[in-house]
Each structure stands twice: as structure tokens, then as C-alpha cells.
């Protein structure tokens, strides 16, 4: 019987025990690096989400961050205003902007007078959407806040009148300070009030002693009136600019939009601390 011979060819290398251990260590190191990279990406993702959340204008993102609302009513006042308006601010399923963001958009327009294009970019909507939001929310602000501007009765007026005004115009009647050229005698008279207007020398060489003294009193306190008017214009810079003519238009039965804007700015100013000292 013939012998059978088999030939085998060895491909590669036989791994020793040390080689296997080295391979396992290498795989373990790779897994550790992958876990570390995964953890880093997870942390980075969380941080990015937090930063995006902080960039959004929400009550939570503004809480405790007065620097973010320094150009708006301070935080507590802002939230009170939102609570007053929330149920009345219109919302649409087609609009990506929440009610609070709509209020912020309007306040930013009033306070900073940002261009429509700028607001459209900030809130990621079209310019036409910005205009629609501004007009609709201004109507709500006006309707809910116009009563913040009211005529005090005599007793309340005496109790809240700044000391400078008490010294110069203390009387049982309400006194309205007006500049020359304001034809308001009739309308003020209907409120049983008296109009005080600085005297002028038209048609005469000089003022009488009584007119000089009266004008001096008016001038002394008028600066406080001008401070309040200046405060409104400085706080809400939309009033410093030339307003578009279409703001003068109004729907039937409604006030012109420009009147609503001015009234809202004054109402918001009335929520702030007075610039005229009471004592």
C-alpha cells in the first residue's frame, strides 16, 4: 500500500498569547475613545440646546437677567403686562411665534424702533407677518391699557401731586399747564379745570408784574412736565422718528394706529417709577 502525503501551506502568522492580549487591549482602547467622544458630543449637544433656549425670548430665558430686559419694562412689570394681555393676543396655527414672543416683538419695535426687516430676521418670519403681528398686538395693548391713562379726581390729585406743584398751584380746582398755541380752554372747562398758559408780549411792550410772576411759576414746574414727556420719547424711540403716513389711517370705529401707539407708550411709562419727586 502506497503512502499518502498531504501538504499544507500556512498563511499568515500564528498569534501567540501576548499578541492576542495586545489586540484586545487595542480594541478596548478604541471603545474607550468612542465612549469618551460620545460623552463629549452629548455634553456639547446639551450645551448648544441650552444656548439656543436662552436665545429665545421666553419668560424663563429672561428670568433673573435684567440686562436682557433693560430696554423693556423690568421683568416683574413685563410679566404682569403679559398676564393682562395673554388671553387677548391672537394666535394662529400658521404662525411659528408664541404669544409672549409677539408681545416682545411689539415692545422691541416701540422701545428700540427696530426696522421691520430686522425684526423679521430676529423672529424668523416674513416682513408682512411682522406688520400683522405689530398691528394686531398694538390694538390689544391699547384696548387693555388705555385706562392706565386717566383723569384723577380732585382728592386723588391733591394726594399725589408733587410738592413743587403744590407750592405753585395749590387750589381746589384742577390746573392744566399748557404751552402757547394749545386751544384747549373749552375741553378743559368741561372737566371743571383751569388752564395756565405762559403770558406773551404780543401787542404790548412788556408783561405786567402779575404776568411775570405767573409765567415764572409756570416755567418753574413746566420743566418737570417736559421731563415726563421727554421720558416717554426717550424710552420709546418709535416716537422720535418720522412715522409712516399709513399709521394715521383707522378702521371704522377705531382710533388711528398712531394714537394707539402713543397711548400704549404713555401707559407703559405710567407703570414706571416717576421721574418727578413727590416730596
Protein backbone atom coordinates (compact mmCIF):
# COMPACT_ATOMS: atom_id res chain seq x y z
CA UNK A 1 0.00 0.00 0.00
CA UNK A 2 1.38 3.30 -1.03
CA UNK A 3 1.94 6.11 1.48
CA UNK A 4 -0.28 9.22 1.04
CA UNK A 5 1.41 12.56 1.59
CA UNK A 6 -0.61 15.80 2.32
CA UNK A 7 0.97 19.20 2.00
CA UNK A 8 -0.39 22.22 3.99
CA UNK A 9 0.55 25.82 3.40
CA UNK A 10 0.37 28.17 6.43
CA UNK A 11 -0.98 31.60 5.53
CA UNK A 12 -0.35 34.42 7.99
CA UNK A 13 1.19 34.10 11.39
CA UNK A 14 0.19 32.16 14.39
CA UNK A 15 -0.62 34.56 17.20
CA UNK A 16 0.96 33.96 20.48
CA UNK A 17 -0.81 34.67 23.77
CA UNK A 18 0.88 38.08 24.05
CA UNK A 19 -0.36 39.11 20.58
CA UNK A 20 -3.97 38.28 21.46
CA UNK A 21 -3.76 40.31 24.65
CA UNK A 22 -2.33 43.26 22.70
CA UNK A 23 -5.18 43.10 20.19
CA UNK A 24 -7.77 43.02 22.96
CA UNK A 25 -6.13 45.98 24.67
CA UNK A 26 -6.16 47.90 21.39
CA UNK A 27 -9.89 47.20 20.89
CA UNK A 28 -10.62 48.23 24.46
CA UNK A 29 -8.73 51.49 23.93
CA UNK A 30 -10.78 52.19 20.79
CA UNK A 31 -14.02 51.55 22.67
CA UNK A 32 -12.92 53.89 25.45
CA UNK A 33 -12.13 56.62 22.94
CA UNK A 34 -15.53 56.13 21.31
CA UNK A 35 -17.27 56.35 24.69
CA UNK A 36 -15.31 59.50 25.51
CA UNK A 37 -16.17 61.07 22.16
CA UNK A 38 -19.83 60.14 22.60
CA UNK A 39 -19.88 61.76 26.03
CA UNK A 40 -18.23 64.89 24.66
CA UNK A 41 -20.74 65.19 21.83
CA UNK A 42 -23.65 64.59 24.23
CA UNK A 43 -22.41 67.34 26.56
CA UNK A 44 -21.84 69.68 23.62
CA UNK A 45 -25.35 68.96 22.33
CA UNK A 46 -26.88 69.73 25.75
CA UNK A 47 -24.92 72.98 25.99
CA UNK A 48 -26.00 74.03 22.50
CA UNK A 49 -29.63 73.33 23.32
CA UNK A 50 -29.33 75.45 26.45
CA UNK A 51 -27.75 78.29 24.49
CA UNK A 52 -30.50 78.12 21.84
CA UNK A 53 -33.12 78.10 24.60
CA UNK A 54 -31.53 81.17 26.21
CA UNK A 55 -31.55 82.98 22.87
CA UNK A 56 -35.32 82.54 22.60
CA UNK A 57 -37.46 85.22 24.23
CA UNK A 58 -39.43 83.29 26.81
CA UNK A 59 -40.34 84.12 30.43
CA UNK A 60 -37.86 81.51 31.65
CA UNK A 61 -35.00 82.75 29.48
CA UNK A 62 -35.46 86.30 30.80
CA UNK A 63 -35.94 85.46 34.47
CA UNK A 64 -33.19 86.90 36.66
CA UNK A 65 -31.49 88.54 33.68
CA UNK A 66 -32.34 92.21 33.99
CA UNK A 67 -29.69 93.10 31.41
CA UNK A 68 -31.85 91.39 28.79
CA UNK A 69 -34.92 93.46 29.65
CA UNK A 70 -33.25 96.79 30.41
CA UNK A 71 -34.68 98.17 27.15
CA UNK A 72 -38.13 96.90 28.10
CA UNK A 73 -40.29 97.14 31.23
CA UNK A 74 -38.45 95.49 34.13
CA UNK A 75 -39.12 91.76 34.47
CA UNK A 76 -41.97 91.75 37.02
CA UNK A 77 -43.78 94.56 35.21
CA UNK A 78 -43.25 92.77 31.90
CA UNK A 79 -44.84 89.59 33.26
CA UNK A 80 -47.78 91.50 34.74
CA UNK A 81 -48.38 93.14 31.36
CA UNK A 82 -48.21 89.75 29.63
CA UNK A 83 -50.70 88.25 32.10
CA UNK A 84 -53.04 91.15 31.37
CA UNK A 85 -52.80 90.56 27.61
CA UNK A 86 -52.22 86.83 27.18
CA UNK A 87 -55.84 85.79 26.63
CA UNK A 88 -56.36 88.55 24.06
CA UNK A 89 -53.24 88.23 21.90
CA UNK A 90 -54.32 86.48 18.69
CA UNK A 91 -52.60 83.26 17.72
CA UNK A 92 -52.57 81.26 14.53
CA UNK A 93 -51.65 77.67 13.76
CA UNK A 94 -49.70 79.01 10.77
CA UNK A 95 -47.58 81.34 12.89
CA UNK A 96 -44.40 79.93 14.47
CA UNK A 97 -44.34 82.74 17.06
CA UNK A 98 -45.81 82.25 20.53
CA UNK A 99 -47.87 84.93 22.30
CA UNK A 100 -45.02 86.07 24.55
CA UNK A 101 -42.73 86.47 21.55
CA UNK A 102 -45.39 88.57 19.81
CA UNK A 103 -45.51 90.90 22.78
CA UNK A 104 -41.71 91.11 22.81
CA UNK A 105 -41.66 91.90 19.09
CA UNK A 106 -44.02 94.83 19.64
CA UNK A 107 -42.14 96.12 22.69
CA UNK A 108 -38.84 95.95 20.79
CA UNK A 109 -40.39 97.97 17.97
CA UNK A 110 -41.75 100.58 20.41
CA UNK A 111 -38.64 100.72 22.59
CA UNK A 112 -35.85 100.43 20.03
CA UNK A 113 -37.71 101.27 16.81
CA UNK A 114 -36.01 98.36 15.05
CA UNK A 115 -36.67 98.15 11.29
CA UNK A 116 -39.29 95.65 10.11
CA UNK A 117 -36.58 93.71 8.23
CA UNK A 118 -34.51 93.41 11.41
CA UNK A 119 -37.47 92.06 13.40
CA UNK A 120 -38.29 89.66 10.58
CA UNK A 121 -34.75 88.23 10.76
CA UNK A 122 -34.73 88.05 14.57
CA UNK A 123 -38.02 86.18 14.77
CA UNK A 124 -37.51 84.24 11.53
CA UNK A 125 -40.74 85.37 9.87
CA UNK A 126 -41.63 87.47 6.85
CA UNK A 127 -41.87 91.26 6.90
CA UNK A 128 -45.60 91.06 6.26
CA UNK A 129 -46.01 88.78 9.29
CA UNK A 130 -44.14 91.31 11.46
CA UNK A 131 -46.52 94.06 10.32
CA UNK A 132 -49.58 91.92 11.00
CA UNK A 133 -48.32 90.99 14.48
CA UNK A 134 -47.44 94.59 15.34
CA UNK A 135 -50.81 95.98 14.29
CA UNK A 136 -52.87 93.26 15.98
CA UNK A 137 -50.95 93.32 19.28
CA UNK A 138 -50.94 97.14 19.41
CA UNK A 139 -54.75 97.01 19.21
CA UNK A 140 -54.77 94.59 22.16
CA UNK A 141 -52.30 96.68 24.18
CA UNK A 142 -54.34 99.80 23.56
CA UNK A 143 -57.65 98.15 24.41
CA UNK A 144 -56.33 96.66 27.67
CA UNK A 145 -54.06 99.51 28.81
CA UNK A 146 -55.67 102.79 27.71
CA UNK A 147 -57.40 103.01 31.10
CA UNK A 148 -53.96 103.37 32.68
CA UNK A 149 -54.18 106.98 31.48
CA UNK A 150 -56.99 108.66 33.40
CA UNK A 151 -58.04 111.92 34.95
CA UNK A 152 -57.66 111.82 38.72
CA UNK A 153 -60.44 113.25 40.83
CA UNK A 154 -59.65 116.31 42.95
CA UNK A 155 -58.90 114.39 46.14
CA UNK A 156 -56.57 111.91 44.46
CA UNK A 157 -54.87 114.72 42.59
CA UNK A 158 -54.14 116.60 45.81
CA UNK A 159 -52.75 113.45 47.47
CA UNK A 160 -50.42 112.54 44.58
CA UNK A 161 -49.36 115.98 43.41
CA UNK A 162 -45.57 116.54 43.60
CA UNK A 163 -44.54 119.10 46.20
CA UNK A 164 -43.22 121.53 43.58
CA UNK A 165 -46.67 121.69 42.01
CA UNK A 166 -48.40 122.09 45.39
CA UNK A 167 -46.25 125.11 46.19
CA UNK A 168 -47.04 126.86 42.93
CA UNK A 169 -50.57 125.78 42.04
CA UNK A 170 -52.33 124.60 45.18
CA UNK A 171 -56.07 125.20 44.66
CA UNK A 172 -59.41 123.48 44.88
CA UNK A 173 -59.62 123.30 41.11
CA UNK A 174 -57.62 121.14 38.74
CA UNK A 175 -54.97 123.12 36.86
CA UNK A 176 -53.75 122.22 33.37
CA UNK A 177 -50.39 123.59 32.24
CA UNK A 178 -50.23 124.22 28.50
CA UNK A 179 -47.89 125.98 26.13
CA UNK A 180 -48.90 128.81 23.85
CA UNK A 181 -50.95 127.73 20.88
CA UNK A 182 -52.91 124.91 22.55
CA UNK A 183 -56.59 125.68 22.07
CA UNK A 184 -57.93 123.54 24.92
CA UNK A 185 -59.89 126.02 27.02
CA UNK A 186 -63.25 124.53 26.10
CA UNK A 187 -62.34 120.86 26.58
CA UNK A 188 -60.58 121.58 29.88
CA UNK A 189 -63.52 123.65 31.05
CA UNK A 190 -65.77 120.62 30.61
CA UNK A 191 -63.62 118.92 33.27
CA UNK A 192 -64.10 121.89 35.63
CA UNK A 193 -60.40 122.66 35.37
CA UNK A 194 -58.34 125.79 34.82
CA UNK A 195 -55.76 126.30 32.06
CA UNK A 196 -52.48 128.05 32.84
CA UNK A 197 -50.60 129.33 29.78
CA UNK A 198 -47.41 131.44 29.86
CA UNK A 199 -48.13 135.10 29.11
CA UNK A 200 -46.67 136.65 25.97
CA UNK A 201 -45.98 140.21 24.88
CA UNK A 202 -47.97 140.17 21.66
CA UNK A 203 -49.44 143.65 21.16
CA UNK A 204 -47.72 145.16 24.23
CA UNK A 205 -44.25 146.31 25.15
CA UNK A 206 -43.81 144.21 28.28
CA UNK A 207 -45.57 141.88 30.70
CA UNK A 208 -47.29 143.18 33.79
CA UNK A 209 -45.82 142.25 37.21
CA UNK A 210 -48.65 139.76 37.73
CA UNK A 211 -47.99 138.13 34.33
CA UNK A 212 -44.27 137.96 35.05
CA UNK A 213 -44.88 136.17 38.35
CA UNK A 214 -47.45 133.81 36.84
CA UNK A 215 -45.14 132.96 33.95
CA UNK A 216 -42.25 132.37 36.35
CA UNK A 217 -44.33 129.86 38.33
CA UNK A 218 -45.36 128.04 35.18
CA UNK A 219 -41.79 127.91 33.87
CA UNK A 220 -40.53 126.52 37.18
CA UNK A 221 -42.79 123.46 37.11
CA UNK A 222 -43.04 123.12 33.33
CA UNK A 223 -39.57 121.62 33.27
CA UNK A 224 -40.97 118.63 35.18
CA UNK A 225 -43.74 118.24 32.60
CA UNK A 226 -41.11 118.34 29.86
CA UNK A 227 -39.07 115.72 31.75
CA UNK A 228 -42.03 113.34 31.72
CA UNK A 229 -42.72 113.97 28.03
CA UNK A 230 -39.01 113.50 27.34
CA UNK A 231 -39.05 110.27 29.32
CA UNK A 232 -41.79 108.84 27.12
CA UNK A 233 -39.93 109.80 23.93
CA UNK A 234 -36.57 108.57 25.21
CA UNK A 235 -37.96 105.27 26.47
CA UNK A 236 -39.98 104.53 23.34
CA UNK A 237 -37.85 105.74 20.47
CA UNK A 238 -40.51 104.99 17.87
CA UNK A 239 -41.87 108.42 18.90
CA UNK A 240 -38.60 110.10 17.91
CA UNK A 241 -38.78 109.02 14.29
CA UNK A 242 -40.94 110.16 11.39
CA UNK A 243 -43.92 107.83 11.40
CA UNK A 244 -45.36 106.43 8.14
CA UNK A 245 -48.49 108.19 6.90
CA UNK A 246 -50.44 104.91 6.89
CA UNK A 247 -50.35 104.95 10.70
CA UNK A 248 -52.79 107.88 10.50
CA UNK A 249 -55.40 105.65 8.90
CA UNK A 250 -58.00 103.89 11.02
CA UNK A 251 -60.71 101.31 10.58
CA UNK A 252 -64.28 102.39 11.12
CA UNK A 253 -64.98 102.91 14.80
CA UNK A 254 -61.29 102.67 15.78
CA UNK A 255 -58.67 105.26 16.66
CA UNK A 256 -55.78 105.81 14.23
CA UNK A 257 -52.90 103.42 14.87
CA UNK A 258 -50.57 106.33 15.70
CA UNK A 259 -52.92 107.37 18.54
CA UNK A 260 -52.87 103.83 19.86
CA UNK A 261 -49.07 103.72 19.72
CA UNK A 262 -48.73 106.97 21.69
CA UNK A 263 -51.32 105.85 24.25
CA UNK A 264 -49.56 102.50 24.75
CA UNK A 265 -46.18 104.20 25.23
CA UNK A 266 -47.68 106.56 27.81
CA UNK A 267 -49.45 103.70 29.59
CA UNK A 268 -46.22 101.72 29.83
CA UNK A 269 -44.43 104.81 31.13
CA UNK A 270 -47.07 105.20 33.83
CA UNK A 271 -46.07 101.75 35.10
CA UNK A 272 -42.55 103.05 35.77
CA UNK A 273 -41.32 104.98 38.78
CA UNK A 274 -41.98 108.72 38.49
CA UNK A 275 -39.08 110.97 37.47
CA UNK A 276 -40.66 113.84 39.40
CA UNK A 277 -40.06 113.56 43.18
CA UNK A 278 -43.24 113.65 45.28
CA UNK A 279 -41.62 115.26 48.32
